[in-house]
C-alpha atoms as a PDB file:
ATOM      1  CA  MET A   1      91.072 134.981 114.610  1.00  0.00           C
ATOM      2  CA  SER A   2      91.622 133.172 117.896  1.00  0.00           C
ATOM      3  CA  GLU A   3      93.846 130.111 118.368  1.00  0.00           C
ATOM      4  CA  GLU A   4      91.144 127.739 119.231  1.00  0.00           C
ATOM      5  CA  LYS A   5      89.208 128.660 115.767  1.00  0.00           C
ATOM      6  CA  GLN A   6      92.362 128.306 113.543  1.00  0.00           C
ATOM      7  CA  ARG A   7      92.573 125.183 111.692  1.00  0.00           C
ATOM      8  CA  LYS A   8      95.313 122.944 112.468  1.00  0.00           C
ATOM      9  CA  LYS A   9      97.577 121.628 109.779  1.00  0.00           C
ATOM     10  CA  ARG A  10      97.297 118.045 109.399  1.00  0.00           C
ATOM     11  CA  ILE A  11      99.558 115.218 107.695  1.00  0.00           C
ATOM     12  CA  ARG A  12      98.007 111.854 106.670  1.00  0.00           C
ATOM     13  CA  VAL A  13      99.657 108.840 108.023  1.00  0.00           C
ATOM     14  CA  GLU A  14      99.982 107.539 104.744  1.00  0.00           C
ATOM     15  CA  LYS A  15     102.152 110.394 103.455  1.00  0.00           C
ATOM     16  CA  LEU A  16     104.501 109.453 106.596  1.00  0.00           C
ATOM     17  CA  ASP A  17     104.633 105.990 104.902  1.00  0.00           C
ATOM     18  CA  GLU A  18     105.742 107.778 101.566  1.00  0.00           C
ATOM     19  CA  TRP A  19     108.191 109.348 102.898  1.00  0.00           C
ATOM     20  CA  ILE A  20     110.037 106.187 104.682  1.00  0.00           C
ATOM     21  CA  GLU A  21     109.684 104.792 101.193  1.00  0.00           C
ATOM     22  CA  ILE A  22     111.392 108.091  99.652  1.00  0.00           C
ATOM     23  CA  LEU A  23     114.237 107.975 102.409  1.00  0.00           C
ATOM     24  CA  LYS A  24     114.924 104.176 101.603  1.00  0.00           C
ATOM     25  CA  SER A  25     115.443 104.911  97.993  1.00  0.00           C
ATOM     26  CA  THR A  26     117.961 107.967  98.615  1.00  0.00           C
ATOM     27  CA  GLU A  27     121.483 107.203  97.549  1.00  0.00           C
ATOM     28  CA  ARG A  28     124.305 106.953  99.891  1.00  0.00           C
ATOM     29  CA  VAL A  29     126.184 110.062 100.655  1.00  0.00           C
ATOM     30  CA  ASP A  30     128.888 108.960 103.142  1.00  0.00           C
ATOM     31  CA  HIS A  31     129.205 106.252 106.006  1.00  0.00           C
ATOM     32  CA  ASP A  32     127.731 108.656 108.669  1.00  0.00           C
ATOM     33  CA  SER A  33     124.509 109.319 106.833  1.00  0.00           C
ATOM     34  CA  GLU A  34     124.126 105.731 105.693  1.00  0.00           C
ATOM     35  CA  TYR A  35     124.194 104.942 109.492  1.00  0.00           C
ATOM     36  CA  PHE A  36     121.697 107.484 110.387  1.00  0.00           C
ATOM     37  CA  LYS A  37     119.623 106.639 107.729  1.00  0.00           C
ATOM     38  CA  ARG A  38     119.426 103.084 108.683  1.00  0.00           C
ATOM     39  CA  ASN A  39     118.442 103.720 112.145  1.00  0.00           C
ATOM     40  CA  ALA A  40     115.834 106.360 111.458  1.00  0.00           C
ATOM     41  CA  ILE A  41     114.083 103.966 108.868  1.00  0.00           C
ATOM     42  CA  PRO A  42     113.051 101.449 111.527  1.00  0.00           C
ATOM     43  CA  TYR A  43     112.197 104.113 114.223  1.00  0.00           C
ATOM     44  CA  LEU A  44     109.664 105.848 111.598  1.00  0.00           C
ATOM     45  CA  GLU A  45     108.265 102.649 110.514  1.00  0.00           C
ATOM     46  CA  GLN A  46     107.381 101.733 114.321  1.00  0.00           C
ATOM     47  CA  TYR A  47     106.069 105.493 114.993  1.00  0.00           C
ATOM     48  CA  VAL A  48     103.578 105.010 111.659  1.00  0.00           C
ATOM     49  CA  ASP A  49     102.669 101.457 112.999  1.00  0.00           C
ATOM     50  CA  SER A  50     101.764 102.895 116.322  1.00  0.00           C
ATOM     51  CA  LEU A  51      99.824 105.593 114.668  1.00  0.00           C
ATOM     52  CA  LYS A  52      97.678 102.969 112.412  1.00  0.00           C
ATOM     53  CA  GLU A  53      97.584 100.841 115.825  1.00  0.00           C
ATOM     54  CA  ALA A  54      95.731 103.459 117.537  1.00  0.00           C
ATOM     55  CA  GLY A  55      93.260 104.188 114.878  1.00  0.00           C
ATOM     56  CA  ARG A  56      94.991 107.488 113.475  1.00  0.00           C
ATOM     57  CA  LYS A  57      94.603 108.634 109.917  1.00  0.00           C
ATOM     58  CA  THR A  58      96.116 111.831 110.369  1.00  0.00           C
ATOM     59  CA  VAL A  59      98.322 113.705 112.968  1.00  0.00           C
ATOM     60  CA  VAL A  60      98.341 117.471 113.592  1.00  0.00           C
ATOM     61  CA  LEU A  61     101.533 119.472 112.995  1.00  0.00           C
ATOM     62  CA  GLU A  62     102.733 121.778 115.321  1.00  0.00           C
ATOM     63  CA  ASP A  63     102.897 125.419 114.830  1.00  0.00           C
ATOM     64  CA  LYS A  64     106.520 126.571 114.734  1.00  0.00           C
ATOM     65  CA  LYS A  65     106.163 130.367 115.627  1.00  0.00           C
END
């Protein structure tokens, strides 16, 4: 099957929201991991907001071959 005809895998933007909530609820491991978690959450929230503003409900996952 040619690449053009292969169905691309997608993820719903609302699933990304769920992942953010899961990340927020994870327990503290150490200072470094907590630092990165606290910095990652706002970036992920902004990413999701930008997708929603663009009217996107899904995004295509890149094929990692």
